[in-house]
Protein backbone atom coordinates (compact mmCIF):
# COMPACT_ATOMS: atom_id res chain seq x y z
CA UNK A 1 0.28 0.00 -0.41
CA UNK A 2 1.69 3.45 -1.16
CA UNK A 3 2.36 6.11 1.26
CA UNK A 4 -0.40 8.59 -0.66
CA UNK A 5 -3.22 6.80 1.56
CA UNK A 6 -1.56 8.20 4.42
CA UNK A 7 -2.13 11.88 3.18
CA UNK A 8 -5.44 10.85 1.64
CA UNK A 9 -7.37 9.79 4.90
CA UNK A 10 -6.16 12.98 6.61
CA UNK A 11 -7.61 14.84 3.90
CA UNK A 12 -10.70 12.89 3.39
CA UNK A 13 -11.54 13.26 7.15
CA UNK A 14 -10.22 16.87 7.07
CA UNK A 15 -12.69 17.82 4.57
CA UNK A 16 -15.87 16.11 5.93
CA UNK A 17 -15.06 17.49 9.54
CA UNK A 18 -14.45 21.29 7.48
CA UNK A 19 -17.52 20.87 5.47
CA UNK A 20 -20.01 20.23 8.01
CA UNK A 21 -18.71 22.67 10.92
CA UNK A 22 -20.68 25.43 9.34
CA UNK A 23 -23.83 24.07 9.00
CA UNK A 24 -23.59 21.96 12.10
CA UNK A 25 -22.26 24.78 14.89
CA UNK A 26 -25.19 26.63 13.80
CA UNK A 27 -27.38 24.10 14.49
CA UNK A 28 -25.88 23.38 17.75
CA UNK A 29 -26.73 26.88 18.43
CA UNK A 30 -30.13 27.01 17.68
CA UNK A 31 -30.22 24.16 20.09
CA UNK A 32 -29.09 26.24 22.40
CA UNK A 33 -26.08 23.48 23.14
CA UNK A 34 -24.45 26.06 24.65
CA UNK A 35 -20.95 25.09 27.58
CA UNK A 36 -21.95 26.31 30.89
CA UNK A 37 -18.81 27.45 32.84
CA UNK A 38 -18.05 26.19 36.44
CA UNK A 39 -17.94 28.98 38.93
CA UNK A 40 -15.00 27.76 40.62
CA UNK A 41 -12.63 27.77 37.37
CA UNK A 42 -10.76 30.66 36.00
CA UNK A 43 -12.55 33.66 35.87
CA UNK A 44 -11.57 34.51 32.23
CA UNK A 45 -13.26 31.56 30.98
CA UNK A 46 -16.70 32.98 32.15
CA UNK A 47 -16.74 34.93 28.52
CA UNK A 48 -17.15 31.84 26.83
CA UNK A 49 -20.33 30.83 28.40
CA UNK A 50 -22.70 29.54 25.58
CA UNK A 51 -20.47 28.54 23.12
CA UNK A 52 -21.80 25.56 21.25
CA UNK A 53 -20.69 22.28 22.71
CA UNK A 54 -20.79 18.59 21.76
CA UNK A 55 -18.79 19.12 18.41
CA UNK A 56 -17.07 15.89 19.30
CA UNK A 57 -20.49 14.69 17.54
CA UNK A 58 -18.57 16.02 14.45
CA UNK A 59 -15.53 14.54 14.90
CA UNK A 60 -16.70 11.20 15.17
CA UNK A 61 -19.01 11.02 12.08
CA UNK A 62 -16.04 12.29 9.83
CA UNK A 63 -13.81 9.57 11.49
CA UNK A 64 -16.34 6.33 11.43
CA UNK A 65 -17.29 7.70 7.57
CA UNK A 66 -13.71 8.00 6.90
CA UNK A 67 -12.26 4.93 8.14
CA UNK A 68 -14.95 3.05 6.21
CA UNK A 69 -14.33 4.39 2.84
CA UNK A 70 -10.89 4.43 3.14
CA UNK A 71 -10.46 0.44 4.68
CA UNK A 72 -13.32 -0.71 1.94
CA UNK A 73 -11.10 0.04 -0.71
CA UNK A 74 -9.03 -2.41 0.48
CA UNK A 75 -11.01 -4.82 1.53
CA UNK A 76 -14.24 -6.04 0.17
CA UNK A 77 -15.57 -6.21 3.70
CA UNK A 78 -14.19 -2.93 5.44
CA UNK A 79 -16.21 -4.08 8.73
CA UNK A 80 -12.98 -6.29 10.31
CA UNK A 81 -12.94 -7.22 13.75
CA UNK A 82 -10.10 -4.53 14.38
CA UNK A 83 -12.22 -1.30 12.39
CA UNK A 84 -15.15 -3.04 14.46
CA UNK A 85 -13.48 -2.52 18.11
CA UNK A 86 -11.85 0.71 16.83
CA UNK A 87 -15.37 2.03 16.01
CA UNK A 88 -17.41 0.37 18.86
CA UNK A 89 -14.90 2.08 21.53
CA UNK A 90 -15.01 5.19 19.83
CA UNK A 91 -18.64 5.37 19.34
CA UNK A 92 -18.76 3.79 22.76
CA UNK A 93 -17.23 6.15 24.74
CA UNK A 94 -18.89 8.88 22.60
CA UNK A 95 -22.19 8.04 23.65
CA UNK A 96 -21.24 8.07 27.27
CA UNK A 97 -19.95 11.92 26.62
CA UNK A 98 -22.77 12.64 24.54
CA UNK A 99 -25.46 11.97 27.62
CA UNK A 100 -22.92 13.76 30.39
CA UNK A 101 -23.14 16.69 27.65
CA UNK A 102 -26.88 16.84 27.37
CA UNK A 103 -28.16 16.06 30.81
CA UNK A 104 -25.42 19.77 31.47
CA UNK A 105 -26.61 21.95 28.87
CA UNK A 106 -30.44 20.24 28.09
CA UNK A 107 -31.15 18.95 31.40
CA UNK A 108 -29.07 21.97 33.21
CA UNK A 109 -27.04 19.79 35.78
CA UNK A 110 -24.69 21.32 35.50
CA UNK A 111 -22.27 18.10 36.54
CA UNK A 112 -24.03 15.84 34.28
CA UNK A 113 -23.61 12.22 34.66
CA UNK A 114 -22.77 11.03 38.51
CA UNK A 115 -19.22 9.39 38.56
CA UNK A 116 -20.67 6.48 39.58
CA UNK A 117 -22.82 6.14 36.08
CA UNK A 118 -20.01 7.11 34.27
CA UNK A 119 -17.44 4.76 35.56
CA UNK A 120 -20.12 1.32 35.60
CA UNK A 121 -20.91 2.69 31.60
CA UNK A 122 -17.02 2.75 30.85
CA UNK A 123 -16.54 -0.33 32.70
CA UNK A 124 -19.07 -1.95 30.39
CA UNK A 125 -17.82 -1.01 27.31
CA UNK A 126 -13.98 -2.28 28.72
CA UNK A 127 -15.33 -5.52 29.73
CA UNK A 128 -17.59 -6.13 26.50
CA UNK A 129 -13.97 -5.36 24.68
CA UNK A 130 -11.97 -7.55 26.57
CA UNK A 131 -14.96 -10.43 25.92
CA UNK A 132 -14.80 -9.67 22.35
CA UNK A 133 -10.83 -9.33 22.26
CA UNK A 134 -10.81 -13.14 24.60
CA UNK A 135 -13.13 -14.45 21.35
CA UNK A 136 -10.32 -13.83 18.80
CA UNK A 137 -7.52 -15.20 20.78
CA UNK A 138 -5.99 -11.71 20.87
CA UNK A 139 -2.53 -11.89 22.90
CA UNK A 140 -1.85 -11.41 26.63
CA UNK A 141 1.23 -10.76 27.06
CA UNK A 142 2.79 -6.44 26.87
CA UNK A 143 6.61 -6.07 25.81
CA UNK A 144 9.00 -3.91 27.89
CA UNK A 145 9.87 -1.23 25.44
CA UNK A 146 13.41 -1.58 24.62
CA UNK A 147 14.29 -5.09 26.38
CA UNK A 148 13.69 -8.49 24.94
CA UNK A 149 11.08 -8.53 28.30
CA UNK A 150 7.43 -9.68 27.42
CA UNK A 151 4.62 -10.96 30.07
CA UNK A 152 2.07 -12.56 29.84
CA UNK A 153 -0.57 -11.53 32.14
CA UNK A 154 -2.88 -14.10 31.67
CA UNK A 155 -6.08 -13.56 32.81
CA UNK A 156 -4.73 -10.34 34.20
CA UNK A 157 -4.73 -8.33 30.90
CA UNK A 158 -8.25 -8.04 31.68
CA UNK A 159 -7.48 -5.71 34.52
CA UNK A 160 -4.82 -3.92 32.00
CA UNK A 161 -7.59 -3.08 29.32
CA UNK A 162 -10.63 -1.80 32.26
CA UNK A 163 -7.67 0.68 33.60
CA UNK A 164 -6.30 1.76 30.29
CA UNK A 165 -9.69 2.32 28.31
CA UNK A 166 -11.45 3.96 31.69
CA UNK A 167 -7.70 5.74 32.78
CA UNK A 168 -7.24 7.05 29.11
CA UNK A 169 -11.12 8.41 28.87
CA UNK A 170 -10.76 10.38 31.76
CA UNK A 171 -7.11 11.34 31.30
CA UNK A 172 -8.24 13.03 27.79
CA UNK A 173 -11.27 14.55 29.17
CA UNK A 174 -9.15 15.87 31.42
CA UNK A 175 -7.22 17.70 29.28
CA UNK A 176 -10.26 19.15 27.54
CA UNK A 177 -10.18 22.80 29.01
CA UNK A 178 -8.77 25.56 27.11
CA UNK A 179 -9.57 26.78 23.32
CA UNK A 180 -7.62 23.42 20.89
CA UNK A 181 -5.89 22.17 23.60
CA UNK A 182 -6.81 18.59 23.48
CA UNK A 183 -7.71 18.91 19.90
CA UNK A 184 -4.18 19.60 19.06
CA UNK A 185 -2.24 16.93 21.63
CA UNK A 186 -4.25 14.39 20.83
CA UNK A 187 -3.98 14.95 16.53
CA UNK A 188 0.17 14.51 17.75
CA UNK A 189 -0.86 11.14 19.68
CA UNK A 190 -2.02 9.88 17.31
CA UNK A 191 0.07 10.87 14.55
CA UNK A 192 2.85 9.11 16.73
CA UNK A 193 0.44 6.21 16.64
CA UNK A 194 -0.18 5.67 13.29
CA UNK A 195 2.92 6.29 12.18
CA UNK A 196 4.87 3.45 14.18
CA UNK A 197 1.60 1.32 13.17
CA UNK A 198 2.29 2.28 9.24
CA UNK A 199 6.40 1.49 9.91
CA UNK A 200 5.80 -1.91 11.90
CA UNK A 201 3.46 -2.77 8.95
CA UNK A 202 1.18 -3.64 11.81
CA UNK A 203 -2.96 -3.99 10.16
CA UNK A 204 -3.61 -0.94 7.85
CA UNK A 205 -6.99 -0.65 9.30
CA UNK A 206 -5.39 0.99 12.60
CA UNK A 207 -3.20 3.15 10.70
CA UNK A 208 -6.15 4.54 9.04
CA UNK A 209 -8.27 4.80 11.61
CA UNK A 210 -5.17 7.19 13.45
CA UNK A 211 -4.86 8.78 10.34
CA UNK A 212 -8.95 9.71 10.49
CA UNK A 213 -8.68 10.73 13.68
CA UNK A 214 -5.83 13.05 12.95
CA UNK A 215 -7.66 14.52 9.95
CA UNK A 216 -10.99 15.09 11.31
CA UNK A 217 -8.63 16.73 14.45
CA UNK A 218 -6.89 19.38 12.17
CA UNK A 219 -10.49 19.90 10.39
CA UNK A 220 -11.90 20.69 14.09
CA UNK A 221 -9.32 23.22 15.36
CA UNK A 222 -10.35 25.17 12.27
CA UNK A 223 -12.98 26.47 14.98
CA UNK A 224 -12.27 25.48 17.88
CA UNK A 225 -8.40 27.64 17.94
CA UNK A 226 -8.38 30.57 20.15
CA UNK A 227 -11.27 31.53 20.25
CA UNK A 228 -12.96 28.63 19.84
CA UNK A 229 -16.24 28.96 18.14
CA UNK A 230 -16.87 25.38 19.63
CA UNK A 231 -16.14 22.81 21.93
CA UNK A 232 -15.49 19.42 21.32
CA UNK A 233 -17.61 17.81 24.75
CA UNK A 234 -17.29 15.18 26.61
CA UNK A 235 -18.82 13.56 23.71
CA UNK A 236 -15.20 14.21 21.88
CA UNK A 237 -12.85 13.57 24.69
CA UNK A 238 -14.12 10.63 26.51
CA UNK A 239 -14.44 9.37 22.74
CA UNK A 240 -10.77 9.88 21.95
CA UNK A 241 -9.18 8.73 25.23
CA UNK A 242 -10.91 5.51 24.64
CA UNK A 243 -9.83 6.00 20.76
CA UNK A 244 -6.35 5.82 22.32
CA UNK A 245 -5.97 3.51 24.27
CA UNK A 246 -7.76 0.65 22.23
CA UNK A 247 -5.27 1.84 19.43
CA UNK A 248 -2.20 0.70 21.71
CA UNK A 249 -4.29 -2.13 22.95
CA UNK A 250 -4.32 -3.39 19.13
CA UNK A 251 -0.64 -2.41 17.77
CA UNK A 252 0.35 -4.35 21.44
CA UNK A 253 2.17 -0.61 22.12
CA UNK A 254 0.33 -1.03 25.88
CA UNK A 255 3.73 0.67 27.74
CA UNK A 256 4.38 3.31 25.27
CA UNK A 257 0.97 5.03 26.15
CA UNK A 258 1.85 6.25 28.43
CA UNK A 259 4.66 7.93 26.84
CA UNK A 260 3.15 8.93 23.84
CA UNK A 261 -0.23 10.16 25.98
CA UNK A 262 2.51 11.96 28.23
CA UNK A 263 0.81 15.15 28.43
CA UNK A 264 -2.67 13.26 29.35
CA UNK A 265 -0.43 11.71 32.18
CA UNK A 266 0.94 14.61 33.25
CA UNK A 267 -2.53 16.39 33.13
CA UNK A 268 -3.84 13.33 35.40
CA UNK A 269 -1.15 13.61 37.53
CA UNK A 270 -1.51 17.02 38.68
CA UNK A 271 -5.18 16.19 39.45
CA UNK A 272 -4.07 13.34 41.62
CA UNK A 273 -1.60 14.99 43.41
CA UNK A 274 -3.82 18.06 43.87
CA UNK A 275 -6.71 16.48 45.78
CA UNK A 276 -3.94 14.17 47.47
CA UNK A 277 -2.27 17.57 49.35
CA UNK A 278 -5.56 18.93 50.19
CA UNK A 279 -6.96 16.23 51.83
CA UNK A 280 -3.75 15.73 53.89
CA UNK A 281 -2.42 19.22 54.33
CA UNK A 282 -5.15 21.40 53.65
CA UNK A 283 -2.54 23.21 51.08
CA UNK A 284 -2.76 23.32 47.42
CA UNK A 285 0.28 22.30 45.28
CA UNK A 286 -1.17 23.93 42.09
CA UNK A 287 -3.07 27.13 41.92
CA UNK A 288 -5.61 25.14 40.23
CA UNK A 289 -5.35 21.56 38.73
CA UNK A 290 -5.88 20.09 35.97
CA UNK A 291 -2.49 21.77 35.57
CA UNK A 292 -3.11 23.81 32.26
CA UNK A 293 -4.96 25.97 34.69
CA UNK A 294 -2.70 26.72 36.99
CA UNK A 295 -0.75 28.24 34.23
CA UNK A 296 -3.44 30.35 33.16
CA UNK A 297 -3.57 32.02 36.82
CA UNK A 298 -0.39 32.10 36.73
CA UNK A 299 -0.19 34.66 34.06
CA UNK A 300 -0.27 32.71 31.22
CA UNK A 301 -1.86 33.69 28.27
CA UNK A 302 -4.30 31.30 26.63
CA UNK A 303 -2.79 30.58 23.73
CA UNK A 304 0.92 30.72 25.34
CA UNK A 305 -0.76 27.51 27.51
CA UNK A 306 -2.05 25.45 24.17
CA UNK A 307 1.18 25.89 22.58
CA UNK A 308 3.36 24.86 25.23
CA UNK A 309 1.59 21.89 26.01
CA UNK A 310 1.57 21.18 21.90
CA UNK A 311 4.77 21.31 21.90
CA UNK A 312 5.18 18.95 24.71
CA UNK A 313 3.02 16.46 23.10
CA UNK A 314 5.05 16.54 20.36
CA UNK A 315 8.15 15.98 22.22
CA UNK A 316 6.41 12.77 23.57
CA UNK A 317 5.03 11.96 20.93
CA UNK A 318 8.41 11.62 18.91
CA UNK A 319 9.95 10.11 21.99
CA UNK A 320 7.99 7.64 21.46
CA UNK A 321 8.53 6.92 17.84
CA UNK A 322 12.38 7.10 18.30
CA UNK A 323 11.62 3.98 20.97
CA UNK A 324 9.24 2.30 18.59
CA UNK A 325 10.65 2.48 15.26
CA UNK A 326 14.34 3.08 15.44
CA UNK A 327 15.24 1.66 18.45
CA UNK A 328 12.46 -1.10 18.82
């Protein structure tokens, strides 16, 4: 398969997103699907109240259509085992996010789904994923990067899948707090996995799926970059988190996800550290968590914070590619 497929995949996803956005965004506005801003957040964010949310629906639509279109060109039946799992996780976690967003903006319950409801739904999808993988004889080993060490986790692999899918979806969700922050960092991370999958001659459907997400996110950034005309919402952030986890699982790069998704890991750790510190000492380590808000309150402009995190994400992505492709 020629490298031009890389660019065609991204181009299709980019164009679909860019073309439907001018229609979809006003539609969201007419439905009054506007974002409500938490009072405890940075005061500079209050002006964003009412900006249309649930924009992640455009990303899900673009990625799904693009993946099926490109996959069908190389396979009479585009819905292979890999494609099914990838889209199942993307749409499944997207549906959880959609319900959360819907409750917030339509039913006017600012917290959306309860933490228990959200966790239960995430776990159910993760369990289904494990069952499907098990039925297809998916290997349960984990490779340690830069070594020849391989651990066969057996039934313990089920626990790893649950942790990865639930953990990644929540970590990515935490990162969605500034205009363009998640779209940019996620595009870089998925781009890294696409390169590794392509160079490693792993099933091309995985690379196509990852590249479709890159293209869709770049198209979304046209409208989500500061000042944002639309927000992704939990619809998009939970879907992307689940998607990056299943990509890492199917490519057998479970450990490398921690590196390539380094920005998401740091954002999550900042919340954990903040909570532990406040509960044990009554003091806060950061001015506000997740970490991107800390830098906002230190006086950084929103654009400076976003571009800095983009660059950090790029460093992590390059490091992951270097470890797997050049040193692996």
